[in-house]
C-alpha atoms as a PDB file:
ATOM      1  CA  MET A   1     -45.114  50.901  31.346  1.00  0.00           C
ATOM      2  CA  LEU A   2     -43.467  54.334  30.738  1.00  0.00           C
ATOM      3  CA  TRP A   3     -40.018  53.700  31.797  1.00  0.00           C
ATOM      4  CA  ALA A   4     -39.901  50.212  29.950  1.00  0.00           C
ATOM      5  CA  GLN A   5     -40.953  52.588  26.626  1.00  0.00           C
ATOM      6  CA  GLU A   6     -37.942  55.140  27.228  1.00  0.00           C
ATOM      7  CA  LEU A   7     -35.396  52.231  26.989  1.00  0.00           C
ATOM      8  CA  LEU A   8     -36.404  51.156  23.235  1.00  0.00           C
ATOM      9  CA  ASP A   9     -34.943  52.346  20.398  1.00  0.00           C
ATOM     10  CA  ARG A  10     -36.755  53.977  17.755  1.00  0.00           C
ATOM     11  CA  GLU A  11     -37.212  50.924  15.841  1.00  0.00           C
ATOM     12  CA  GLU A  12     -38.266  48.742  19.020  1.00  0.00           C
ATOM     13  CA  ARG A  13     -41.271  51.823  19.508  1.00  0.00           C
ATOM     14  CA  ALA A  14     -42.504  51.155  16.323  1.00  0.00           C
ATOM     15  CA  ARG A  15     -42.457  47.685  16.382  1.00  0.00           C
ATOM     16  CA  ALA A  16     -44.393  47.931  19.692  1.00  0.00           C
ATOM     17  CA  ARG A  17     -46.732  50.818  17.967  1.00  0.00           C
ATOM     18  CA  ALA A  18     -47.636  48.623  14.839  1.00  0.00           C
ATOM     19  CA  PHE A  19     -49.577  45.062  17.635  1.00  0.00           C
ATOM     20  CA  ARG A  20     -52.791  45.962  17.785  1.00  0.00           C
ATOM     21  CA  ARG A  21     -53.564  43.918  20.350  1.00  0.00           C
ATOM     22  CA  ALA A  22     -52.446  46.411  24.239  1.00  0.00           C
ATOM     23  CA  ARG A  23     -50.957  42.834  25.681  1.00  0.00           C
ATOM     24  CA  ASP A  24     -49.403  41.835  23.257  1.00  0.00           C
ATOM     25  CA  ARG A  25     -47.574  45.520  22.980  1.00  0.00           C
ATOM     26  CA  ASP A  26     -46.898  44.979  26.351  1.00  0.00           C
ATOM     27  CA  ALA A  27     -45.251  41.790  26.521  1.00  0.00           C
ATOM     28  CA  TYR A  28     -43.244  43.456  23.323  1.00  0.00           C
ATOM     29  CA  VAL A  29     -42.178  46.865  25.421  1.00  0.00           C
ATOM     30  CA  ILE A  30     -41.809  44.143  28.634  1.00  0.00           C
ATOM     31  CA  ALA A  31     -39.533  42.456  26.482  1.00  0.00           C
ATOM     32  CA  HIS A  32     -37.037  44.378  25.521  1.00  0.00           C
ATOM     33  CA  ALA A  33     -37.386  46.785  28.120  1.00  0.00           C
ATOM     34  CA  THR A  34     -36.000  43.987  30.644  1.00  0.00           C
ATOM     35  CA  LEU A  35     -33.053  42.691  27.144  1.00  0.00           C
ATOM     36  CA  ARG A  36     -32.185  46.253  27.973  1.00  0.00           C
ATOM     37  CA  ALA A  37     -31.703  46.202  31.377  1.00  0.00           C
ATOM     38  CA  LEU A  38     -29.905  42.681  31.937  1.00  0.00           C
ATOM     39  CA  LEU A  39     -27.728  43.611  28.871  1.00  0.00           C
ATOM     40  CA  GLY A  40     -26.152  47.001  29.834  1.00  0.00           C
ATOM     41  CA  PRO A  41     -25.177  46.327  33.289  1.00  0.00           C
ATOM     42  CA  LEU A  42     -22.921  43.563  31.207  1.00  0.00           C
ATOM     43  CA  LEU A  43     -22.175  45.281  28.731  1.00  0.00           C
ATOM     44  CA  GLY A  44     -20.925  48.762  30.885  1.00  0.00           C
ATOM     45  CA  VAL A  45     -23.625  50.788  28.757  1.00  0.00           C
ATOM     46  CA  ARG A  46     -26.905  52.419  29.405  1.00  0.00           C
ATOM     47  CA  ALA A  47     -29.719  50.373  28.839  1.00  0.00           C
ATOM     48  CA  ASP A  48     -31.633  53.402  26.091  1.00  0.00           C
ATOM     49  CA  GLU A  49     -27.748  53.071  24.570  1.00  0.00           C
ATOM     50  CA  LEU A  50     -27.213  49.308  23.970  1.00  0.00           C
ATOM     51  CA  PRO A  51     -25.570  49.282  20.491  1.00  0.00           C
ATOM     52  CA  LEU A  52     -28.113  46.788  18.854  1.00  0.00           C
ATOM     53  CA  MET A  53     -29.162  45.627  15.638  1.00  0.00           C
ATOM     54  CA  ARG A  54     -30.904  43.506  13.039  1.00  0.00           C
ATOM     55  CA  GLU A  55     -29.626  40.849  11.901  1.00  0.00           C
ATOM     56  CA  PRO A  56     -30.250  39.810   8.180  1.00  0.00           C
ATOM     57  CA  CYS A  57     -33.010  38.060   7.517  1.00  0.00           C
ATOM     58  CA  ALA A  58     -32.189  34.460   6.523  1.00  0.00           C
ATOM     59  CA  GLY A  59     -34.844  34.876   3.277  1.00  0.00           C
ATOM     60  CA  CYS A  60     -34.561  38.013   1.758  1.00  0.00           C
ATOM     61  CA  GLY A  61     -31.012  39.690   3.433  1.00  0.00           C
ATOM     62  CA  ALA A  62     -33.108  42.456   4.047  1.00  0.00           C
ATOM     63  CA  PRO A  63     -31.797  43.820   7.545  1.00  0.00           C
ATOM     64  CA  HIS A  64     -35.604  42.850   9.574  1.00  0.00           C
ATOM     65  CA  GLY A  65     -33.715  39.111  10.853  1.00  0.00           C
ATOM     66  CA  ARG A  66     -33.675  38.987  14.653  1.00  0.00           C
ATOM     67  CA  PRO A  67     -32.093  41.365  17.024  1.00  0.00           C
ATOM     68  CA  ALA A  68     -28.943  40.999  18.187  1.00  0.00           C
ATOM     69  CA  LEU A  69     -25.374  43.110  19.817  1.00  0.00           C
ATOM     70  CA  ARG A  70     -22.816  45.068  17.307  1.00  0.00           C
ATOM     71  CA  ALA A  71     -20.862  43.556  20.437  1.00  0.00           C
ATOM     72  CA  PRO A  72     -19.293  40.534  19.698  1.00  0.00           C
ATOM     73  CA  GLY A  73     -19.157  37.647  21.866  1.00  0.00           C
ATOM     74  CA  LEU A  74     -23.046  37.456  23.947  1.00  0.00           C
ATOM     75  CA  HIS A  75     -25.969  36.100  22.118  1.00  0.00           C
ATOM     76  CA  PHE A  76     -28.974  36.528  23.397  1.00  0.00           C
ATOM     77  CA  SER A  77     -32.404  35.891  22.687  1.00  0.00           C
ATOM     78  CA  LEU A  78     -36.492  36.934  23.801  1.00  0.00           C
ATOM     79  CA  SER A  79     -39.978  35.596  23.869  1.00  0.00           C
ATOM     80  CA  HIS A  80     -43.074  36.653  24.656  1.00  0.00           C
ATOM     81  CA  SER A  81     -46.555  34.534  25.044  1.00  0.00           C
ATOM     82  CA  GLY A  82     -49.653  36.238  27.424  1.00  0.00           C
ATOM     83  CA  ASP A  83     -48.039  37.584  30.702  1.00  0.00           C
ATOM     84  CA  LEU A  84     -44.472  35.539  30.603  1.00  0.00           C
ATOM     85  CA  VAL A  85     -41.590  37.248  28.963  1.00  0.00           C
ATOM     86  CA  LEU A  86     -38.731  34.668  28.424  1.00  0.00           C
ATOM     87  CA  VAL A  87     -34.797  35.813  27.750  1.00  0.00           C
ATOM     88  CA  ALA A  88     -31.767  34.465  27.228  1.00  0.00           C
ATOM     89  CA  LEU A  89     -28.128  34.641  27.686  1.00  0.00           C
ATOM     90  CA  ALA A  90     -24.630  33.203  26.455  1.00  0.00           C
ATOM     91  CA  GLY A  91     -21.977  33.063  25.495  1.00  0.00           C
ATOM     92  CA  THR A  92     -22.456  31.032  22.091  1.00  0.00           C
ATOM     93  CA  PRO A  93     -26.215  31.534  20.109  1.00  0.00           C
ATOM     94  CA  VAL A  94     -30.052  30.829  21.733  1.00  0.00           C
ATOM     95  CA  GLY A  95     -33.093  30.454  21.241  1.00  0.00           C
ATOM     96  CA  VAL A  96     -35.763  30.645  23.603  1.00  0.00           C
ATOM     97  CA  ASP A  97     -39.766  30.495  22.715  1.00  0.00           C
ATOM     98  CA  VAL A  98     -42.466  30.511  24.916  1.00  0.00           C
ATOM     99  CA  GLU A  99     -46.551  30.024  24.163  1.00  0.00           C
ATOM    100  CA  GLY A 100     -49.417  29.288  25.665  1.00  0.00           C
ATOM    101  CA  LEU A 101     -51.016  25.945  25.135  1.00  0.00           C
ATOM    102  CA  ALA A 102     -52.330  25.254  21.485  1.00  0.00           C
ATOM    103  CA  SER A 103     -55.713  25.246  20.148  1.00  0.00           C
ATOM    104  CA  ALA A 104     -57.294  21.547  19.444  1.00  0.00           C
ATOM    105  CA  GLU A 105     -57.926  23.674  15.869  1.00  0.00           C
ATOM    106  CA  ALA A 106     -54.020  24.323  16.069  1.00  0.00           C
ATOM    107  CA  VAL A 107     -52.560  21.310  16.797  1.00  0.00           C
ATOM    108  CA  ARG A 108     -54.186  19.135  13.392  1.00  0.00           C
ATOM    109  CA  SER A 109     -54.241  22.688  11.130  1.00  0.00           C
ATOM    110  CA  ALA A 110     -50.048  22.271  11.760  1.00  0.00           C
ATOM    111  CA  GLN A 111     -49.424  19.051  10.707  1.00  0.00           C
ATOM    112  CA  CYS A 112     -47.593  19.864   8.304  1.00  0.00           C
ATOM    113  CA  ALA A 113     -45.157  21.827  10.623  1.00  0.00           C
ATOM    114  CA  LEU A 114     -43.652  19.260  11.955  1.00  0.00           C
ATOM    115  CA  HIS A 115     -41.740  16.288  11.232  1.00  0.00           C
ATOM    116  CA  PRO A 116     -43.092  12.887  10.192  1.00  0.00           C
ATOM    117  CA  ALA A 117     -41.627  11.342  13.543  1.00  0.00           C
ATOM    118  CA  GLU A 118     -43.153  13.776  15.579  1.00  0.00           C
ATOM    119  CA  VAL A 119     -46.545  13.248  13.391  1.00  0.00           C
ATOM    120  CA  ALA A 120     -46.835   9.682  14.839  1.00  0.00           C
ATOM    121  CA  GLU A 121     -45.574  10.823  18.165  1.00  0.00           C
ATOM    122  CA  LEU A 122     -48.837  12.364  18.363  1.00  0.00           C
ATOM    123  CA  ALA A 123     -51.334  10.078  16.200  1.00  0.00           C
ATOM    124  CA  ARG A 124     -50.462   7.489  18.953  1.00  0.00           C
ATOM    125  CA  LEU A 125     -51.605   9.965  22.080  1.00  0.00           C
ATOM    126  CA  PRO A 126     -54.760  10.134  23.565  1.00  0.00           C
ATOM    127  CA  ALA A 127     -56.830  13.211  22.013  1.00  0.00           C
ATOM    128  CA  TYR A 128     -56.333  14.732  25.484  1.00  0.00           C
ATOM    129  CA  GLU A 129     -52.816  15.291  25.685  1.00  0.00           C
ATOM    130  CA  ARG A 130     -51.522  16.153  21.703  1.00  0.00           C
ATOM    131  CA  GLN A 131     -52.378  19.160  22.558  1.00  0.00           C
ATOM    132  CA  ALA A 132     -48.916  20.067  25.452  1.00  0.00           C
ATOM    133  CA  ALA A 133     -47.981  17.704  23.898  1.00  0.00           C
ATOM    134  CA  PHE A 134     -47.832  19.657  20.552  1.00  0.00           C
ATOM    135  CA  THR A 135     -47.533  23.252  22.404  1.00  0.00           C
ATOM    136  CA  ARG A 136     -43.748  21.637  23.788  1.00  0.00           C
ATOM    137  CA  THR A 137     -42.980  20.100  20.455  1.00  0.00           C
ATOM    138  CA  TRP A 138     -43.675  24.121  18.644  1.00  0.00           C
ATOM    139  CA  VAL A 139     -41.415  25.492  21.852  1.00  0.00           C
ATOM    140  CA  ARG A 140     -39.037  23.109  21.002  1.00  0.00           C
ATOM    141  CA  LYS A 141     -38.361  24.019  17.187  1.00  0.00           C
ATOM    142  CA  GLU A 142     -38.890  27.284  17.448  1.00  0.00           C
ATOM    143  CA  ALA A 143     -35.906  28.106  20.083  1.00  0.00           C
ATOM    144  CA  TYR A 144     -33.734  25.892  17.951  1.00  0.00           C
ATOM    145  CA  LEU A 145     -34.517  28.011  14.967  1.00  0.00           C
ATOM    146  CA  LYS A 146     -34.344  31.804  16.470  1.00  0.00           C
ATOM    147  CA  GLY A 147     -31.125  29.662  17.929  1.00  0.00           C
ATOM    148  CA  LEU A 148     -30.208  28.869  14.188  1.00  0.00           C
ATOM    149  CA  GLY A 149     -31.101  32.715  13.027  1.00  0.00           C
ATOM    150  CA  THR A 150     -33.638  31.425  10.632  1.00  0.00           C
ATOM    151  CA  GLY A 151     -36.862  31.142  12.233  1.00  0.00           C
ATOM    152  CA  LEU A 152     -39.469  30.259  10.090  1.00  0.00           C
ATOM    153  CA  VAL A 153     -37.415  30.681   6.648  1.00  0.00           C
ATOM    154  CA  ARG A 154     -36.357  27.465   7.427  1.00  0.00           C
ATOM    155  CA  ASP A 155     -38.938  24.440   7.216  1.00  0.00           C
ATOM    156  CA  PRO A 156     -39.748  23.460  10.817  1.00  0.00           C
ATOM    157  CA  ALA A 157     -40.748  20.065   9.913  1.00  0.00           C
ATOM    158  CA  LEU A 158     -36.305  19.226   8.448  1.00  0.00           C
ATOM    159  CA  ASP A 159     -36.095  18.589  11.793  1.00  0.00           C
ATOM    160  CA  HIS A 160     -37.229  16.521  15.142  1.00  0.00           C
ATOM    161  CA  VAL A 161     -37.617  18.087  18.642  1.00  0.00           C
ATOM    162  CA  GLY A 162     -40.204  14.955  20.336  1.00  0.00           C
ATOM    163  CA  THR A 163     -43.294  15.564  21.634  1.00  0.00           C
ATOM    164  CA  GLY A 164     -42.603  13.935  24.812  1.00  0.00           C
ATOM    165  CA  ASP A 165     -41.427  15.203  28.233  1.00  0.00           C
ATOM    166  CA  ARG A 166     -38.211  15.266  27.306  1.00  0.00           C
ATOM    167  CA  PRO A 167     -36.724  16.791  23.793  1.00  0.00           C
ATOM    168  CA  VAL A 168     -34.703  15.435  21.306  1.00  0.00           C
ATOM    169  CA  SER A 169     -31.342  17.106  19.898  1.00  0.00           C
ATOM    170  CA  PRO A 170     -32.397  17.977  16.557  1.00  0.00           C
ATOM    171  CA  SER A 171     -28.335  18.762  16.081  1.00  0.00           C
ATOM    172  CA  PRO A 172     -25.455  16.797  18.389  1.00  0.00           C
ATOM    173  CA  ARG A 173     -24.127  21.208  17.814  1.00  0.00           C
ATOM    174  CA  TRP A 174     -27.924  22.192  19.946  1.00  0.00           C
ATOM    175  CA  THR A 175     -28.337  21.528  23.278  1.00  0.00           C
ATOM    176  CA  LEU A 176     -32.060  21.605  24.103  1.00  0.00           C
ATOM    177  CA  ARG A 177     -34.073  21.635  27.327  1.00  0.00           C
ATOM    178  CA  ASP A 178     -37.534  22.511  27.801  1.00  0.00           C
ATOM    179  CA  VAL A 179     -38.149  25.037  30.760  1.00  0.00           C
ATOM    180  CA  LEU A 180     -40.284  25.250  33.734  1.00  0.00           C
ATOM    181  CA  VAL A 181     -43.642  27.383  33.298  1.00  0.00           C
ATOM    182  CA  PRO A 182     -46.978  28.230  34.559  1.00  0.00           C
ATOM    183  CA  THR A 183     -49.524  25.821  33.339  1.00  0.00           C
ATOM    184  CA  GLY A 184     -51.068  26.525  30.107  1.00  0.00           C
ATOM    185  CA  TYR A 185     -47.495  27.269  28.799  1.00  0.00           C
ATOM    186  CA  ALA A 186     -44.458  25.531  27.435  1.00  0.00           C
ATOM    187  CA  ALA A 187     -40.944  26.837  26.597  1.00  0.00           C
ATOM    188  CA  ALA A 188     -37.883  25.890  25.708  1.00  0.00           C
ATOM    189  CA  VAL A 189     -34.120  27.083  25.472  1.00  0.00           C
ATOM    190  CA  ALA A 190     -32.088  26.047  22.102  1.00  0.00           C
ATOM    191  CA  LEU A 191     -27.919  27.126  23.033  1.00  0.00           C
ATOM    192  CA  ARG A 192     -24.997  25.657  21.104  1.00  0.00           C
ATOM    193  CA  ARG A 193     -22.486  23.488  21.951  1.00  0.00           C
ATOM    194  CA  GLU A 194     -18.858  25.534  21.913  1.00  0.00           C
END
């Protein structure tokens, strides 16, 4: 893990130290080191010297939004959950999210974050299918909102992404796809069309 920490900048190391659980901290470090290891050769820059920055927060405008490159033309998104890390690179804005299977309690308590059509879709499902369907829906929403650059500052209930086996694109300007991940997880990627 030391090799991975050496690739991070001061801000990333500080963020890593803020995680309470070692597992979450390790996933954060691996995700950011992997991102740097992928971007460095693409840009012809050493991984530990990448010109990364934080975009302005969509809610308050402070420079603590999503990470981005100072150099234009290459977009990225990363996510981690449990033992999985996902990184997406693209020529247009992109968002990716991975999550472990939501608990039954999370499904019940997060109904307000779903589009009314998604609430109705979940209600029609047998109880044993709701956790997987909710998790699929949630990662689709997060991937899209990350791609937009708003994150959860934008109300996730505004956008219908569907609970079924195939996502519904929330906008004609965006492509939304599920990502194949191991059992017990769900993942999605959102890519803005040119």
